[in-house]
Protein backbone atom coordinates (compact mmCIF):
# COMPACT_ATOMS: atom_id res chain seq x y z
CA MET A 1 0.24 0.48 -0.09
CA SER A 2 1.17 3.54 -0.95
CA PRO A 3 1.45 5.53 1.94
CA GLN A 4 -0.19 8.65 0.28
CA THR A 5 -3.36 6.08 -0.64
CA ARG A 6 -5.56 6.47 2.94
CA ALA A 7 -9.02 5.58 3.57
CA VAL A 8 -11.98 6.59 6.46
CA GLU A 9 -13.46 3.82 5.89
CA SER A 10 -11.38 0.50 5.87
CA TRP A 11 -13.08 -1.14 2.88
CA THR A 12 -12.84 1.14 0.47
CA LEU A 13 -8.61 0.63 1.05
CA GLN A 14 -8.50 -2.71 -1.01
CA PRO A 15 -10.00 -1.92 -4.10
CA LEU A 16 -8.85 1.56 -4.53
CA THR A 17 -5.05 0.30 -4.26
CA ASP A 18 -5.97 -2.52 -6.70
CA PHE A 19 -7.77 0.75 -8.65
CA VAL A 20 -4.96 3.21 -8.64
CA ARG A 21 -2.09 0.20 -9.34
CA GLU A 22 -4.45 -0.99 -11.62
CA ALA A 23 -5.43 1.88 -13.97
CA SER A 24 -1.82 4.03 -13.20
CA ALA A 25 -3.73 7.20 -11.92
CA ARG A 26 -1.71 9.94 -9.84
CA LEU A 27 -5.06 11.32 -7.86
CA VAL A 28 -7.76 9.54 -6.53
CA LEU A 29 -11.04 9.89 -4.09
CA VAL A 30 -13.47 7.95 -3.02
CA LEU A 31 -16.59 10.23 -1.93
CA THR A 32 -20.15 10.67 -1.75
CA PRO A 33 -22.40 12.38 -4.72
CA SER A 34 -22.19 15.11 -1.25
CA GLY A 35 -18.47 15.41 -1.39
CA GLN A 36 -17.54 13.33 1.81
CA VAL A 37 -14.16 11.39 1.64
CA LEU A 38 -14.13 7.71 1.72
CA ALA A 39 -10.85 7.28 0.94
CA GLN A 40 -8.13 8.73 -1.12
CA SER A 41 -4.85 8.45 -3.16
CA GLY A 42 -2.14 10.59 -4.05
CA PHE A 43 -2.75 13.72 -2.29
CA SER A 44 -0.29 14.93 0.18
CA ARG A 45 -2.23 17.76 1.97
CA ALA A 46 -5.24 18.02 3.34
CA VAL A 47 -6.43 21.11 1.28
CA ASP A 48 -5.99 19.58 -2.11
CA VAL A 49 -8.84 16.74 -0.48
CA MET A 50 -10.90 19.40 0.87
CA SER A 51 -10.59 20.52 -2.84
CA ALA A 52 -10.87 18.33 -5.31
CA ALA A 53 -14.44 16.57 -2.76
CA ALA A 54 -15.72 20.37 -3.38
CA LEU A 55 -15.07 19.95 -7.66
CA ALA A 56 -16.44 16.57 -7.78
CA ALA A 57 -19.73 17.10 -5.69
CA ALA A 58 -20.13 20.79 -8.18
CA ILE A 59 -19.30 18.42 -11.00
CA VAL A 60 -21.55 15.76 -10.32
CA ALA A 61 -24.89 18.04 -8.60
CA SER A 62 -24.40 20.31 -12.22
CA THR A 63 -24.52 17.34 -13.82
CA SER A 64 -26.97 15.33 -12.58
CA GLU A 65 -29.02 18.70 -12.50
CA LEU A 66 -29.03 19.24 -16.91
CA ALA A 67 -29.82 15.45 -16.97
CA ARG A 68 -32.64 16.07 -15.11
CA GLN A 69 -33.64 19.53 -16.77
CA LEU A 70 -33.47 17.46 -20.29
CA ARG A 71 -35.46 14.50 -18.56
CA GLN A 72 -33.33 12.10 -18.51
CA PRO A 73 -30.94 9.99 -16.51
CA PRO A 74 -28.36 11.17 -14.77
CA PHE A 75 -25.30 10.83 -18.02
CA ALA A 76 -22.73 7.88 -17.69
CA ALA A 77 -20.87 8.76 -21.05
CA LEU A 78 -18.69 12.08 -19.81
CA SER A 79 -14.86 11.51 -19.49
CA HIS A 80 -15.51 14.05 -16.37
CA GLN A 81 -17.31 11.82 -14.66
CA GLY A 82 -18.79 7.98 -14.93
CA PRO A 83 -21.30 7.11 -13.90
CA THR A 84 -21.39 6.72 -9.64
CA PHE A 85 -22.70 3.74 -7.90
CA VAL A 86 -25.18 2.50 -5.76
CA THR A 87 -23.47 0.01 -2.18
CA GLU A 88 -24.50 -0.98 0.83
CA ARG A 89 -23.04 2.66 2.48
CA GLY A 90 -24.58 4.95 -0.56
CA THR A 91 -24.26 6.38 -3.36
CA LEU A 92 -20.72 6.67 -4.52
CA ALA A 93 -18.89 9.06 -6.89
CA VAL A 94 -15.03 8.06 -8.21
CA LEU A 95 -12.52 11.16 -9.40
CA ALA A 96 -9.68 10.11 -10.84
CA VAL A 97 -7.01 11.69 -12.34
CA TYR A 98 -4.44 10.16 -15.03
CA ASP A 99 -1.01 10.95 -16.84
CA LEU A 100 -2.12 10.24 -20.94
CA ASP A 101 1.09 8.79 -21.51
CA VAL A 102 0.76 6.86 -18.78
CA SER A 103 -2.54 5.48 -19.59
CA SER A 104 -5.81 6.19 -20.78
CA LEU A 105 -9.63 6.58 -21.00
CA GLY A 106 -10.65 3.47 -21.98
CA LEU A 107 -7.99 2.28 -19.10
CA VAL A 108 -8.94 4.17 -16.85
CA GLN A 109 -12.87 3.58 -17.78
CA LEU A 110 -12.04 -0.24 -17.00
CA PHE A 111 -10.39 -0.37 -14.18
CA TYR A 112 -13.44 2.20 -12.83
CA GLU A 113 -16.46 -0.98 -14.00
CA GLN A 114 -13.55 -3.13 -11.49
CA LEU A 115 -13.40 -0.62 -8.64
CA ALA A 116 -16.85 -0.59 -8.90
CA GLY A 117 -17.85 -4.16 -8.36
CA ASP A 118 -15.49 -4.36 -6.34
CA LEU A 119 -16.65 -1.75 -3.77
CA LYS A 120 -20.04 -3.00 -3.94
CA ALA A 121 -19.03 -6.40 -2.90
CA ALA A 122 -17.22 -5.18 -0.22
CA SER A 123 -19.65 -2.50 1.51
CA PRO A 124 -20.46 -3.15 4.84
CA LYS A 125 -23.73 -5.41 4.44
CA GLY A 126 -26.65 -4.09 6.21
CA ALA A 127 -25.06 -0.47 6.26
CA VAL A 128 -27.22 2.80 6.27
CA PRO A 129 -26.65 5.52 3.96
CA LYS A 130 -25.88 8.02 6.11
CA GLN A 131 -27.08 11.54 5.46
CA VAL A 132 -24.61 14.90 6.32
CA LEU A 133 -26.76 17.52 6.92
CA ALA A 134 -25.33 20.79 6.21
CA ALA A 135 -25.11 21.67 10.35
CA ASP A 136 -22.68 18.61 10.10
CA PHE A 137 -21.19 19.36 6.60
CA GLU A 138 -17.73 20.17 8.15
CA ARG A 139 -17.66 18.61 11.36
CA GLU A 140 -17.97 15.46 8.79
CA LEU A 141 -15.30 16.69 6.46
CA THR A 142 -12.89 17.60 9.54
CA ASP A 143 -13.14 14.23 10.64
CA SER A 144 -12.71 12.73 7.76
CA LEU A 145 -9.49 14.77 7.23
CA ASN A 146 -8.00 14.12 10.72
CA THR A 147 -8.48 10.73 9.44
CA LEU A 148 -6.92 10.60 6.22
CA PHE A 149 -4.77 12.19 7.37
CA GLY A 150 -3.39 10.85 10.87
CA ARG A 151 -4.12 14.60 12.44
């Protein structure tokens, strides 16, 4: 395991580690659509994770709203956003950054499908998806970042 790969929820660690290795991803976040980070790889600063999580949450929200306005199901074929997927833990999204000299969109998509399946299989059975209320969001984010960066 890379020292840069860390998880708030331990069941996400092995699937994430496998994805990073196989897809040659440089930076990866596994998060809820609201931006709650469950695991990360490649980030060295908490502020970078916060910024990327906020960006990922905004991407998910804006494309979901665009699809809703067009009366279409959520988009699944955008190169900047693959489909979210549902686990026992709830709906999850993955933000992956990769180098085109080392990997390709097709390769990342292939291993993303494997990651989604591995996360679904590893998700604790009977888990109740946790709602993060606006009032709790900052505390939840701080707790997650403290866990990820050992503070």
